[in-house]
C-alpha atoms as a PDB file:
ATOM      1  CA  MET A   1      74.968  -3.803 -50.755  1.00  0.00           C
ATOM      2  CA  GLU A   2      74.390  -4.139 -47.023  1.00  0.00           C
ATOM      3  CA  GLU A   3      78.095  -3.881 -46.227  1.00  0.00           C
ATOM      4  CA  GLU A   4      78.131  -0.393 -47.789  1.00  0.00           C
ATOM      5  CA  LEU A   5      75.344   0.856 -45.500  1.00  0.00           C
ATOM      6  CA  VAL A   6      77.434   1.511 -42.407  1.00  0.00           C
ATOM      7  CA  GLY A   7      76.037   3.152 -39.306  1.00  0.00           C
ATOM      8  CA  THR A   8      74.177   2.495 -36.057  1.00  0.00           C
ATOM      9  CA  SER A   9      73.128   6.049 -35.191  1.00  0.00           C
ATOM     10  CA  PRO A  10      69.380   6.566 -34.581  1.00  0.00           C
ATOM     11  CA  ALA A  11      69.126   8.911 -37.567  1.00  0.00           C
ATOM     12  CA  PHE A  12      70.655   6.405 -39.984  1.00  0.00           C
ATOM     13  CA  GLN A  13      68.798   3.422 -38.524  1.00  0.00           C
ATOM     14  CA  TRP A  14      65.556   5.306 -39.098  1.00  0.00           C
ATOM     15  CA  VAL A  15      66.493   5.676 -42.769  1.00  0.00           C
ATOM     16  CA  LEU A  16      67.190   1.941 -43.055  1.00  0.00           C
ATOM     17  CA  ARG A  17      63.833   1.119 -41.472  1.00  0.00           C
ATOM     18  CA  GLN A  18      62.100   3.360 -44.020  1.00  0.00           C
ATOM     19  CA  VAL A  19      63.939   1.531 -46.808  1.00  0.00           C
ATOM     20  CA  GLU A  20      62.778  -1.844 -45.494  1.00  0.00           C
ATOM     21  CA  ILE A  21      59.185  -0.617 -45.293  1.00  0.00           C
ATOM     22  CA  VAL A  22      58.910   0.856 -48.785  1.00  0.00           C
ATOM     23  CA  ALA A  23      61.170  -1.500 -50.765  1.00  0.00           C
ATOM     24  CA  PRO A  24      58.656  -4.369 -51.219  1.00  0.00           C
ATOM     25  CA  THR A  25      56.071  -1.995 -52.734  1.00  0.00           C
ATOM     26  CA  SER A  26      55.972  -0.340 -56.149  1.00  0.00           C
ATOM     27  CA  THR A  27      55.508   3.123 -54.664  1.00  0.00           C
ATOM     28  CA  ALA A  28      57.509   6.044 -56.018  1.00  0.00           C
ATOM     29  CA  VAL A  29      60.245   7.166 -53.624  1.00  0.00           C
ATOM     30  CA  LEU A  30      61.955  10.556 -53.412  1.00  0.00           C
ATOM     31  CA  VAL A  31      65.349  10.400 -51.683  1.00  0.00           C
ATOM     32  CA  GLY A  32      66.591  13.774 -50.463  1.00  0.00           C
ATOM     33  CA  GLY A  33      69.632  15.023 -48.624  1.00  0.00           C
ATOM     34  CA  GLU A  34      72.776  17.063 -49.018  1.00  0.00           C
ATOM     35  CA  THR A  35      75.349  16.207 -51.638  1.00  0.00           C
ATOM     36  CA  GLY A  36      77.524  13.228 -50.754  1.00  0.00           C
ATOM     37  CA  THR A  37      75.172  11.669 -48.189  1.00  0.00           C
ATOM     38  CA  GLY A  38      74.875   8.358 -50.057  1.00  0.00           C
ATOM     39  CA  LYS A  39      71.555   8.748 -51.858  1.00  0.00           C
ATOM     40  CA  GLU A  40      72.499   6.347 -54.657  1.00  0.00           C
ATOM     41  CA  LEU A  41      73.338   3.604 -52.148  1.00  0.00           C
ATOM     42  CA  ILE A  42      69.881   3.990 -50.622  1.00  0.00           C
ATOM     43  CA  VAL A  43      68.231   3.826 -54.049  1.00  0.00           C
ATOM     44  CA  ARG A  44      70.103   0.636 -54.902  1.00  0.00           C
ATOM     45  CA  ALA A  45      69.186  -0.830 -51.513  1.00  0.00           C
ATOM     46  CA  ILE A  46      65.507  -0.149 -52.269  1.00  0.00           C
ATOM     47  CA  HIS A  47      65.877  -1.963 -55.592  1.00  0.00           C
ATOM     48  CA  SER A  48      67.773  -4.929 -54.129  1.00  0.00           C
ATOM     49  CA  LEU A  49      65.114  -5.456 -51.431  1.00  0.00           C
ATOM     50  CA  SER A  50      62.186  -5.177 -53.837  1.00  0.00           C
ATOM     51  CA  ALA A  51      60.370  -7.790 -55.904  1.00  0.00           C
ATOM     52  CA  ARG A  52      62.036  -6.187 -58.940  1.00  0.00           C
ATOM     53  CA  ARG A  53      65.561  -7.018 -57.752  1.00  0.00           C
ATOM     54  CA  HIS A  54      66.030  -9.514 -60.594  1.00  0.00           C
ATOM     55  CA  GLY A  55      65.188  -6.809 -63.104  1.00  0.00           C
ATOM     56  CA  PRO A  56      67.381  -3.877 -64.188  1.00  0.00           C
ATOM     57  CA  CYS A  57      68.116  -0.788 -62.123  1.00  0.00           C
ATOM     58  CA  VAL A  58      68.717   1.937 -64.701  1.00  0.00           C
ATOM     59  CA  LYS A  59      70.146   5.299 -63.671  1.00  0.00           C
ATOM     60  CA  VAL A  60      69.625   8.637 -65.420  1.00  0.00           C
ATOM     61  CA  ASN A  61      71.503  11.699 -64.187  1.00  0.00           C
ATOM     62  CA  CYS A  62      69.218  14.562 -65.179  1.00  0.00           C
ATOM     63  CA  ALA A  63      71.962  17.118 -64.541  1.00  0.00           C
ATOM     64  CA  ALA A  64      74.631  15.405 -66.629  1.00  0.00           C
ATOM     65  CA  ILE A  65      72.695  15.067 -69.900  1.00  0.00           C
ATOM     66  CA  PRO A  66      72.112  18.174 -72.063  1.00  0.00           C
ATOM     67  CA  ALA A  67      68.473  19.286 -72.109  1.00  0.00           C
ATOM     68  CA  GLY A  68      68.228  18.732 -75.869  1.00  0.00           C
ATOM     69  CA  LEU A  69      69.214  15.078 -75.498  1.00  0.00           C
ATOM     70  CA  LEU A  70      67.438  14.196 -72.258  1.00  0.00           C
ATOM     71  CA  GLU A  71      64.072  13.433 -73.882  1.00  0.00           C
ATOM     72  CA  SER A  72      65.727  10.969 -76.222  1.00  0.00           C
ATOM     73  CA  GLU A  73      67.662   9.390 -73.344  1.00  0.00           C
ATOM     74  CA  LEU A  74      64.506   8.920 -71.285  1.00  0.00           C
ATOM     75  CA  PHE A  75      61.990   7.910 -73.924  1.00  0.00           C
ATOM     76  CA  GLY A  76      64.076   6.892 -76.932  1.00  0.00           C
ATOM     77  CA  HIS A  77      63.704   8.060 -80.525  1.00  0.00           C
ATOM     78  CA  GLU A  78      62.763   6.854 -83.957  1.00  0.00           C
ATOM     79  CA  ARG A  79      64.948   6.939 -87.027  1.00  0.00           C
ATOM     80  CA  GLY A  80      65.068  10.441 -88.479  1.00  0.00           C
ATOM     81  CA  ALA A  81      63.654  12.071 -85.358  1.00  0.00           C
ATOM     82  CA  PHE A  82      66.521  14.572 -85.463  1.00  0.00           C
ATOM     83  CA  THR A  83      69.811  15.112 -87.220  1.00  0.00           C
ATOM     84  CA  GLY A  84      72.058  12.146 -86.509  1.00  0.00           C
ATOM     85  CA  ALA A  85      69.220   9.765 -85.563  1.00  0.00           C
ATOM     86  CA  PHE A  86      70.153   7.085 -88.127  1.00  0.00           C
ATOM     87  CA  SER A  87      68.439   4.244 -86.282  1.00  0.00           C
ATOM     88  CA  PRO A  88      65.759   3.765 -83.632  1.00  0.00           C
ATOM     89  CA  LYS A  89      66.875   3.789 -80.010  1.00  0.00           C
ATOM     90  CA  MET A  90      65.279   2.516 -76.824  1.00  0.00           C
ATOM     91  CA  GLY A  91      65.116   5.001 -73.974  1.00  0.00           C
ATOM     92  CA  ARG A  92      65.883   4.416 -70.321  1.00  0.00           C
ATOM     93  CA  PHE A  93      62.206   3.853 -69.529  1.00  0.00           C
ATOM     94  CA  GLN A  94      62.110   0.841 -71.833  1.00  0.00           C
ATOM     95  CA  LEU A  95      65.479  -0.412 -70.627  1.00  0.00           C
ATOM     96  CA  ALA A  96      64.159  -0.330 -67.042  1.00  0.00           C
ATOM     97  CA  ASN A  97      60.999  -2.303 -67.861  1.00  0.00           C
ATOM     98  CA  ARG A  98      60.084  -4.645 -64.972  1.00  0.00           C
ATOM     99  CA  GLY A  99      62.791  -2.988 -62.923  1.00  0.00           C
ATOM    100  CA  THR A 100      63.640   0.345 -61.323  1.00  0.00           C
ATOM    101  CA  LEU A 101      64.356   3.663 -63.010  1.00  0.00           C
ATOM    102  CA  PHE A 102      66.587   5.891 -60.879  1.00  0.00           C
ATOM    103  CA  LEU A 103      66.170   9.564 -61.744  1.00  0.00           C
ATOM    104  CA  ASP A 104      69.144  11.238 -60.120  1.00  0.00           C
ATOM    105  CA  GLU A 105      69.285  15.040 -59.714  1.00  0.00           C
ATOM    106  CA  ILE A 106      65.597  15.242 -60.594  1.00  0.00           C
ATOM    107  CA  GLY A 107      65.553  18.926 -59.641  1.00  0.00           C
ATOM    108  CA  ASP A 108      67.555  19.664 -62.805  1.00  0.00           C
ATOM    109  CA  LEU A 109      64.920  18.189 -65.119  1.00  0.00           C
ATOM    110  CA  PRO A 110      63.928  20.892 -67.658  1.00  0.00           C
ATOM    111  CA  LEU A 111      60.435  22.327 -67.185  1.00  0.00           C
ATOM    112  CA  GLU A 112      59.433  21.591 -70.776  1.00  0.00           C
ATOM    113  CA  LEU A 113      60.115  17.863 -70.247  1.00  0.00           C
ATOM    114  CA  GLN A 114      58.260  17.531 -66.952  1.00  0.00           C
ATOM    115  CA  PRO A 115      54.726  17.075 -68.425  1.00  0.00           C
ATOM    116  CA  LYS A 116      55.870  14.100 -70.526  1.00  0.00           C
ATOM    117  CA  LEU A 117      57.567  12.542 -67.507  1.00  0.00           C
ATOM    118  CA  LEU A 118      54.408  13.067 -65.444  1.00  0.00           C
ATOM    119  CA  ARG A 119      52.313  11.265 -68.045  1.00  0.00           C
ATOM    120  CA  ALA A 120      54.795   8.366 -68.166  1.00  0.00           C
ATOM    121  CA  LEU A 121      54.623   8.052 -64.379  1.00  0.00           C
ATOM    122  CA  GLN A 122      50.837   8.196 -64.189  1.00  0.00           C
ATOM    123  CA  GLU A 123      49.820   6.277 -67.306  1.00  0.00           C
ATOM    124  CA  ARG A 124      52.937   4.068 -67.656  1.00  0.00           C
ATOM    125  CA  GLU A 125      53.035   4.900 -71.333  1.00  0.00           C
ATOM    126  CA  PHE A 126      54.753   7.330 -73.703  1.00  0.00           C
ATOM    127  CA  GLU A 127      55.802   7.853 -77.314  1.00  0.00           C
ATOM    128  CA  ARG A 128      59.353   7.834 -78.534  1.00  0.00           C
ATOM    129  CA  LEU A 129      60.742  11.080 -79.867  1.00  0.00           C
ATOM    130  CA  GLY A 130      59.593  11.356 -83.494  1.00  0.00           C
ATOM    131  CA  GLY A 131      57.223   8.394 -83.179  1.00  0.00           C
ATOM    132  CA  THR A 132      53.459   7.870 -82.951  1.00  0.00           C
ATOM    133  CA  GLU A 133      53.267   4.390 -81.444  1.00  0.00           C
ATOM    134  CA  THR A 134      52.490   4.286 -77.724  1.00  0.00           C
ATOM    135  CA  VAL A 135      54.980   2.296 -75.677  1.00  0.00           C
ATOM    136  CA  ARG A 136      53.803   0.741 -72.406  1.00  0.00           C
ATOM    137  CA  VAL A 137      56.189  -0.064 -69.553  1.00  0.00           C
ATOM    138  CA  ASP A 138      56.138  -1.450 -66.022  1.00  0.00           C
ATOM    139  CA  VAL A 139      58.692   0.661 -64.146  1.00  0.00           C
ATOM    140  CA  ARG A 140      59.165   1.674 -60.540  1.00  0.00           C
ATOM    141  CA  ILE A 141      60.437   5.244 -60.158  1.00  0.00           C
ATOM    142  CA  VAL A 142      62.924   6.280 -57.488  1.00  0.00           C
ATOM    143  CA  ALA A 143      64.210   9.853 -57.692  1.00  0.00           C
ATOM    144  CA  ALA A 144      66.924  11.673 -55.763  1.00  0.00           C
ATOM    145  CA  THR A 145      67.835  15.309 -55.274  1.00  0.00           C
ATOM    146  CA  ASN A 146      69.887  17.605 -53.071  1.00  0.00           C
ATOM    147  CA  GLN A 147      67.572  20.509 -53.824  1.00  0.00           C
ATOM    148  CA  ASP A 148      64.443  21.710 -52.018  1.00  0.00           C
ATOM    149  CA  LEU A 149      61.781  20.715 -54.539  1.00  0.00           C
ATOM    150  CA  ALA A 150      58.962  22.211 -52.446  1.00  0.00           C
ATOM    151  CA  GLN A 151      60.697  25.583 -52.596  1.00  0.00           C
ATOM    152  CA  MET A 152      61.254  25.135 -56.330  1.00  0.00           C
ATOM    153  CA  VAL A 153      57.518  24.502 -56.749  1.00  0.00           C
ATOM    154  CA  GLN A 154      56.761  27.802 -54.991  1.00  0.00           C
ATOM    155  CA  GLU A 155      59.243  29.544 -57.276  1.00  0.00           C
ATOM    156  CA  ARG A 156      57.592  27.893 -60.323  1.00  0.00           C
ATOM    157  CA  ARG A 157      60.827  26.122 -61.249  1.00  0.00           C
ATOM    158  CA  PHE A 158      59.311  22.654 -60.767  1.00  0.00           C
ATOM    159  CA  ARG A 159      55.795  21.438 -61.554  1.00  0.00           C
ATOM    160  CA  ALA A 160      53.640  20.884 -58.476  1.00  0.00           C
ATOM    161  CA  ASP A 161      51.828  17.877 -59.979  1.00  0.00           C
ATOM    162  CA  LEU A 162      55.094  16.135 -60.799  1.00  0.00           C
ATOM    163  CA  TYR A 163      56.450  16.905 -57.340  1.00  0.00           C
ATOM    164  CA  TYR A 164      53.441  15.310 -55.644  1.00  0.00           C
ATOM    165  CA  ARG A 165      53.689  12.298 -57.941  1.00  0.00           C
ATOM    166  CA  LEU A 166      57.341  11.752 -57.025  1.00  0.00           C
ATOM    167  CA  ASN A 167      57.030  12.610 -53.344  1.00  0.00           C
ATOM    168  CA  VAL A 168      54.739   9.725 -52.401  1.00  0.00           C
ATOM    169  CA  PHE A 169      57.290   8.278 -49.970  1.00  0.00           C
ATOM    170  CA  PRO A 170      60.085  10.732 -49.102  1.00  0.00           C
ATOM    171  CA  ILE A 171      63.291   9.586 -47.392  1.00  0.00           C
ATOM    172  CA  ILE A 172      65.657  12.306 -46.172  1.00  0.00           C
ATOM    173  CA  LEU A 173      69.257  11.294 -45.464  1.00  0.00           C
ATOM    174  CA  PRO A 174      70.952  13.023 -42.520  1.00  0.00           C
ATOM    175  CA  PRO A 175      74.252  14.842 -43.148  1.00  0.00           C
ATOM    176  CA  LEU A 176      77.379  13.287 -41.651  1.00  0.00           C
ATOM    177  CA  ARG A 177      77.665  16.041 -39.036  1.00  0.00           C
ATOM    178  CA  GLU A 178      74.355  14.808 -37.555  1.00  0.00           C
ATOM    179  CA  ARG A 179      75.560  11.218 -37.246  1.00  0.00           C
ATOM    180  CA  VAL A 180      79.039  11.714 -35.777  1.00  0.00           C
ATOM    181  CA  GLU A 181      78.666   8.511 -33.772  1.00  0.00           C
ATOM    182  CA  ASP A 182      78.847   6.622 -37.077  1.00  0.00           C
ATOM    183  CA  LEU A 183      82.175   8.205 -38.001  1.00  0.00           C
ATOM    184  CA  PRO A 184      84.496   5.569 -36.416  1.00  0.00           C
ATOM    185  CA  ALA A 185      82.690   2.697 -38.157  1.00  0.00           C
ATOM    186  CA  LEU A 186      82.706   4.581 -41.464  1.00  0.00           C
ATOM    187  CA  VAL A 187      86.414   5.393 -41.152  1.00  0.00           C
ATOM    188  CA  HIS A 188      87.405   1.784 -40.403  1.00  0.00           C
ATOM    189  CA  HIS A 189      85.185   0.526 -43.240  1.00  0.00           C
ATOM    190  CA  LEU A 190      86.788   2.932 -45.704  1.00  0.00           C
ATOM    191  CA  VAL A 191      90.308   2.171 -44.467  1.00  0.00           C
ATOM    192  CA  ARG A 192      89.729  -1.545 -45.106  1.00  0.00           C
ATOM    193  CA  LYS A 193      88.238  -0.801 -48.514  1.00  0.00           C
ATOM    194  CA  PHE A 194      91.127   1.340 -49.734  1.00  0.00           C
ATOM    195  CA  CYS A 195      93.761  -0.908 -48.143  1.00  0.00           C
ATOM    196  CA  ARG A 196      92.449  -3.756 -50.273  1.00  0.00           C
ATOM    197  CA  GLN A 197      92.663  -1.574 -53.364  1.00  0.00           C
ATOM    198  CA  ALA A 198      96.159  -0.291 -52.564  1.00  0.00           C
ATOM    199  CA  GLY A 199      97.540  -3.575 -51.279  1.00  0.00           C
ATOM    200  CA  LYS A 200      98.362  -2.043 -47.899  1.00  0.00           C
ATOM    201  CA  GLN A 201      97.841  -3.125 -44.310  1.00  0.00           C
ATOM    202  CA  ILE A 202      96.765  -0.397 -41.899  1.00  0.00           C
ATOM    203  CA  GLU A 203      95.665  -1.757 -38.552  1.00  0.00           C
ATOM    204  CA  ASN A 204      95.074   1.295 -36.407  1.00  0.00           C
ATOM    205  CA  VAL A 205      93.482   4.726 -36.543  1.00  0.00           C
ATOM    206  CA  PRO A 206      95.129   6.773 -33.749  1.00  0.00           C
ATOM    207  CA  ALA A 207      92.793   8.387 -31.245  1.00  0.00           C
ATOM    208  CA  GLU A 208      94.057  11.881 -32.046  1.00  0.00           C
ATOM    209  CA  VAL A 209      93.284  11.324 -35.734  1.00  0.00           C
ATOM    210  CA  MET A 210      89.768  10.135 -34.963  1.00  0.00           C
ATOM    211  CA  ASP A 211      89.216  13.108 -32.647  1.00  0.00           C
ATOM    212  CA  ALA A 212      90.296  15.472 -35.406  1.00  0.00           C
ATOM    213  CA  LEU A 213      87.941  13.820 -37.890  1.00  0.00           C
ATOM    214  CA  LYS A 214      85.059  14.257 -35.463  1.00  0.00           C
ATOM    215  CA  ILE A 215      85.726  17.984 -35.194  1.00  0.00           C
ATOM    216  CA  HIS A 216      85.383  18.569 -38.934  1.00  0.00           C
ATOM    217  CA  ASP A 217      81.938  19.578 -40.242  1.00  0.00           C
ATOM    218  CA  TRP A 218      82.229  17.438 -43.425  1.00  0.00           C
ATOM    219  CA  PRO A 219      80.296  19.734 -45.785  1.00  0.00           C
ATOM    220  CA  GLY A 220      80.847  17.150 -48.533  1.00  0.00           C
ATOM    221  CA  ASN A 221      79.550  14.418 -46.210  1.00  0.00           C
ATOM    222  CA  ILE A 222      80.495  10.784 -46.872  1.00  0.00           C
ATOM    223  CA  ARG A 223      81.908  11.566 -50.311  1.00  0.00           C
ATOM    224  CA  GLU A 224      84.352  14.023 -48.741  1.00  0.00           C
ATOM    225  CA  LEU A 225      85.244  11.520 -46.013  1.00  0.00           C
ATOM    226  CA  GLU A 226      85.772   8.785 -48.607  1.00  0.00           C
ATOM    227  CA  ASN A 227      88.161  10.936 -50.640  1.00  0.00           C
ATOM    228  CA  PHE A 228      90.034  12.000 -47.499  1.00  0.00           C
ATOM    229  CA  ILE A 229      90.494   8.409 -46.268  1.00  0.00           C
ATOM    230  CA  GLU A 230      91.619   7.219 -49.708  1.00  0.00           C
ATOM    231  CA  ARG A 231      94.298   9.923 -49.745  1.00  0.00           C
ATOM    232  CA  ALA A 232      95.285   9.095 -46.155  1.00  0.00           C
ATOM    233  CA  VAL A 233      95.734   5.403 -46.986  1.00  0.00           C
ATOM    234  CA  ILE A 234      98.011   6.309 -49.899  1.00  0.00           C
ATOM    235  CA  LEU A 235     100.110   8.652 -47.721  1.00  0.00           C
ATOM    236  CA  SER A 236     100.420   6.307 -44.727  1.00  0.00           C
ATOM    237  CA  THR A 237     103.613   4.247 -44.647  1.00  0.00           C
ATOM    238  CA  GLY A 238     103.179   2.235 -41.459  1.00  0.00           C
ATOM    239  CA  PRO A 239     100.485   0.312 -39.588  1.00  0.00           C
ATOM    240  CA  ASP A 240      98.821   3.541 -38.403  1.00  0.00           C
ATOM    241  CA  LEU A 241      96.615   5.805 -40.492  1.00  0.00           C
ATOM    242  CA  ARG A 242      98.474   9.130 -40.787  1.00  0.00           C
ATOM    243  CA  PRO A 243      96.425  11.647 -42.773  1.00  0.00           C
ATOM    244  CA  TRP A 244      97.363  15.261 -43.362  1.00  0.00           C
ATOM    245  CA  LEU A 245      94.945  16.819 -40.919  1.00  0.00           C
ATOM    246  CA  SER A 246      95.860  20.267 -42.179  1.00  0.00           C
ATOM    247  CA  ASP A 247      93.955  19.435 -45.377  1.00  0.00           C
ATOM    248  CA  LEU A 248      90.793  19.507 -43.313  1.00  0.00           C
ATOM    249  CA  SER A 249      91.708  22.621 -41.357  1.00  0.00           C
ATOM    250  CA  ARG A 250      91.735  24.654 -44.566  1.00  0.00           C
ATOM    251  CA  ALA A 251      88.049  23.903 -45.020  1.00  0.00           C
ATOM    252  CA  HIS A 252      87.228  24.259 -41.322  1.00  0.00           C
ATOM    253  CA  LYS A 253      85.606  27.492 -40.250  1.00  0.00           C
ATOM    254  CA  PRO A 254      87.830  29.696 -38.059  1.00  0.00           C
ATOM    255  CA  GLU A 255      86.820  29.389 -34.444  1.00  0.00           C
ATOM    256  CA  THR A 256      87.950  30.814 -31.145  1.00  0.00           C
ATOM    257  CA  TYR A 257      90.305  28.414 -29.440  1.00  0.00           C
ATOM    258  CA  SER A 258      89.066  26.792 -26.259  1.00  0.00           C
ATOM    259  CA  ALA A 259      89.557  23.489 -24.508  1.00  0.00           C
ATOM    260  CA  THR A 260      86.365  22.119 -26.088  1.00  0.00           C
ATOM    261  CA  ASN A 261      86.472  23.932 -29.426  1.00  0.00           C
ATOM    262  CA  ARG A 262      89.758  23.369 -31.252  1.00  0.00           C
ATOM    263  CA  THR A 263      90.697  23.682 -34.882  1.00  0.00           C
ATOM    264  CA  LEU A 264      92.194  20.705 -36.682  1.00  0.00           C
ATOM    265  CA  ALA A 265      95.495  22.560 -37.036  1.00  0.00           C
ATOM    266  CA  ASP A 266      95.567  22.901 -33.232  1.00  0.00           C
ATOM    267  CA  ALA A 267      95.022  19.159 -32.841  1.00  0.00           C
ATOM    268  CA  GLU A 268      97.797  18.319 -35.311  1.00  0.00           C
ATOM    269  CA  ARG A 269     100.176  20.845 -33.713  1.00  0.00           C
ATOM    270  CA  GLU A 270      99.582  19.494 -30.204  1.00  0.00           C
ATOM    271  CA  HIS A 271     100.112  15.924 -31.360  1.00  0.00           C
ATOM    272  CA  ILE A 272     103.428  16.740 -33.015  1.00  0.00           C
ATOM    273  CA  LEU A 273     104.533  18.682 -29.932  1.00  0.00           C
ATOM    274  CA  ASP A 274     103.635  15.740 -27.672  1.00  0.00           C
ATOM    275  CA  VAL A 275     105.700  13.334 -29.792  1.00  0.00           C
ATOM    276  CA  LEU A 276     108.634  15.768 -29.882  1.00  0.00           C
ATOM    277  CA  ARG A 277     108.564  16.006 -26.080  1.00  0.00           C
ATOM    278  CA  GLU A 278     108.562  12.204 -25.844  1.00  0.00           C
ATOM    279  CA  THR A 279     111.591  11.982 -28.126  1.00  0.00           C
ATOM    280  CA  GLN A 280     113.258  14.951 -26.376  1.00  0.00           C
ATOM    281  CA  GLY A 281     113.232  16.886 -29.622  1.00  0.00           C
ATOM    282  CA  VAL A 282     114.830  14.157 -31.768  1.00  0.00           C
ATOM    283  CA  LEU A 283     113.440  14.269 -35.304  1.00  0.00           C
ATOM    284  CA  SER A 284     115.267  11.487 -37.182  1.00  0.00           C
ATOM    285  CA  GLY A 285     116.736   8.128 -36.300  1.00  0.00           C
ATOM    286  CA  PRO A 286     114.960   4.917 -35.303  1.00  0.00           C
ATOM    287  CA  ASP A 287     113.515   6.513 -32.156  1.00  0.00           C
ATOM    288  CA  GLY A 288     112.878   9.912 -33.673  1.00  0.00           C
ATOM    289  CA  ALA A 289     109.602  11.774 -34.012  1.00  0.00           C
ATOM    290  CA  ALA A 290     109.371  11.181 -37.771  1.00  0.00           C
ATOM    291  CA  VAL A 291     109.355   7.397 -37.308  1.00  0.00           C
ATOM    292  CA  ARG A 292     106.830   7.586 -34.481  1.00  0.00           C
ATOM    293  CA  LEU A 293     104.536   9.759 -36.574  1.00  0.00           C
ATOM    294  CA  GLY A 294     104.948   7.536 -39.623  1.00  0.00           C
ATOM    295  CA  LEU A 295     106.154  10.460 -41.721  1.00  0.00           C
ATOM    296  CA  PRO A 296     109.185  11.107 -43.887  1.00  0.00           C
ATOM    297  CA  ARG A 297     111.561  13.489 -42.114  1.00  0.00           C
ATOM    298  CA  THR A 298     111.164  16.186 -44.752  1.00  0.00           C
ATOM    299  CA  THR A 299     107.379  16.014 -44.442  1.00  0.00           C
ATOM    300  CA  LEU A 300     107.612  16.403 -40.664  1.00  0.00           C
ATOM    301  CA  VAL A 301     109.900  19.410 -41.017  1.00  0.00           C
ATOM    302  CA  TYR A 302     107.511  20.981 -43.519  1.00  0.00           C
ATOM    303  CA  ARG A 303     104.532  20.505 -41.197  1.00  0.00           C
ATOM    304  CA  MET A 304     106.452  21.874 -38.212  1.00  0.00           C
ATOM    305  CA  ARG A 305     107.321  25.022 -40.115  1.00  0.00           C
ATOM    306  CA  ARG A 306     103.762  25.434 -41.358  1.00  0.00           C
ATOM    307  CA  LEU A 307     102.342  24.986 -37.846  1.00  0.00           C
ATOM    308  CA  GLY A 308     104.906  27.310 -36.255  1.00  0.00           C
ATOM    309  CA  ILE A 309     106.694  24.591 -34.308  1.00  0.00           C
ATOM    310  CA  GLY A 310     110.287  25.432 -33.610  1.00  0.00           C
ATOM    311  CA  SER A 311     109.552  29.020 -32.692  1.00  0.00           C
ATOM    312  CA  ALA A 312     106.487  27.827 -30.827  1.00  0.00           C
ATOM    313  CA  ALA A 313     105.822  27.943 -27.116  1.00  0.00           C
ATOM    314  CA  ASN A 314     107.138  25.009 -25.153  1.00  0.00           C
ATOM    315  CA  GLY A 315     104.143  24.948 -22.825  1.00  0.00           C
ATOM    316  CA  ARG A 316     105.544  27.594 -20.436  1.00  0.00           C
ATOM    317  CA  GLY A 317     105.241  30.534 -22.804  1.00  0.00           C
ATOM    318  CA  SER A 318     108.921  30.800 -23.763  1.00  0.00           C
ATOM    319  CA  HIS A 319     110.036  30.672 -27.409  1.00  0.00           C
ATOM    320  CA  ARG A 320     112.884  28.566 -28.772  1.00  0.00           C
ATOM    321  CA  ARG A 321     114.251  27.909 -32.204  1.00  0.00           C
ATOM    322  CA  LEU A 322     115.000  24.688 -34.036  1.00  0.00           C
ATOM    323  CA  LYS A 323     118.408  23.609 -32.859  1.00  0.00           C
ATOM    324  CA  THR A 324     119.479  21.660 -35.953  1.00  0.00           C
ATOM    325  CA  LEU A 325     117.864  20.613 -39.192  1.00  0.00           C
ATOM    326  CA  ALA A 326     119.836  18.444 -41.583  1.00  0.00           C
ATOM    327  CA  SER A 327     117.243  19.318 -44.221  1.00  0.00           C
ATOM    328  CA  ALA A 328     118.816  22.757 -44.496  1.00  0.00           C
ATOM    329  CA  ALA A 329     119.426  22.178 -48.179  1.00  0.00           C
ATOM    330  CA  SER A 330     115.696  21.799 -48.707  1.00  0.00           C
ATOM    331  CA  TRP A 331     115.127  25.202 -47.125  1.00  0.00           C
ATOM    332  CA  GLY A 332     118.013  27.028 -48.768  1.00  0.00           C
ATOM    333  CA  GLY A 333     120.464  26.274 -45.980  1.00  0.00           C
ATOM    334  CA  ARG A 334     123.949  24.717 -46.019  1.00  0.00           C
ATOM    335  CA  ARG A 335     124.341  21.598 -48.163  1.00  0.00           C
ATOM    336  CA  GLN A 336     126.000  18.710 -46.396  1.00  0.00           C
ATOM    337  CA  SER A 337     129.372  17.672 -47.695  1.00  0.00           C
ATOM    338  CA  PRO A 338     129.320  14.210 -49.291  1.00  0.00           C
ATOM    339  CA  ARG A 339     132.589  13.464 -47.453  1.00  0.00           C
ATOM    340  CA  GLU A 340     131.176  14.346 -44.070  1.00  0.00           C
ATOM    341  CA  PRO A 341     131.264  11.196 -41.922  1.00  0.00           C
ATOM    342  CA  GLU A 342     128.030   9.519 -40.960  1.00  0.00           C
ATOM    343  CA  GLU A 343     128.638  10.230 -37.272  1.00  0.00           C
ATOM    344  CA  SER A 344     128.859  13.972 -37.863  1.00  0.00           C
ATOM    345  CA  ARG A 345     125.428  14.033 -39.442  1.00  0.00           C
ATOM    346  CA  GLY A 346     124.113  13.095 -36.073  1.00  0.00           C
ATOM    347  CA  VAL A 347     120.491  13.037 -35.150  1.00  0.00           C
ATOM    348  CA  GLU A 348     118.183  15.905 -35.969  1.00  0.00           C
ATOM    349  CA  THR A 349     116.685  17.580 -32.965  1.00  0.00           C
ATOM    350  CA  ALA A 350     114.173  20.282 -32.245  1.00  0.00           C
ATOM    351  CA  LEU A 351     113.798  22.082 -28.929  1.00  0.00           C
ATOM    352  CA  VAL A 352     110.157  22.374 -27.976  1.00  0.00           C
END
């Protein structure tokens, strides 16, 4: 579990200290934070550091289970309690006995079910749906939400007494944009993780890629970063991580260009232009820009067209066009004759 909790920023280290303090107790914990910040990892860390670590850690997603079935999922039911209840069933509370019950997305718990949950938390007892026998349990409750429960209490969408019972020890996870210093460690950790899964070996994350990742706001937080790195590992063909930075620029808010405030598309465009200058405009061949960028030639051509390279400024304000592109067939141009000698195909170049 510890290897998944990556980060040395003050904000994240504070969270880890709070986990270490509260884990050995049986106190209810409410983990808050934006979507994708890693709340479930924190909950499981609390369980693994507690005296209940040898017991079960049972998760219930309150948003994923229909309201009509959630009571049965939490507390169980007796035979005949409703249509289709052909046999008795233990609920998650009983399954989590002597362990931890993780109530994820607690803000989506229906109002009509909240009093029964409150009683189970306070009295450690409940009745199964359709039953009369009281069931007693020893369960530690850890809840998580990306909603503002205090605001929901004011709007009468969440019971105040249940909120105070859950909010004994709150832990708020910082969004990724507030712990940018953790980004390099997170990226390298995720690259190693997905390389193992894909059977690849990627040894380097180029500085320009890391700079571009730091610019992005990451509204989806670590979950968004994880998905982006997984896709980048799949797309990379060499020892360097070569993501499609333009995928991030689509989600990036438009900003005025300046030396200290660049869009991701600007960063990708400048990098391609720098490599083209180094190769003197050569696209293909062993020393061409495509090889240096770790991209298929057709992918490089596509990105150049999308970023306006080829009719772009060469750094002095003048405009030039692509000199030759053997991928003309891909763009509706002349198809190359199969009898054309290899030498005549030459090396693709672009004036920049």
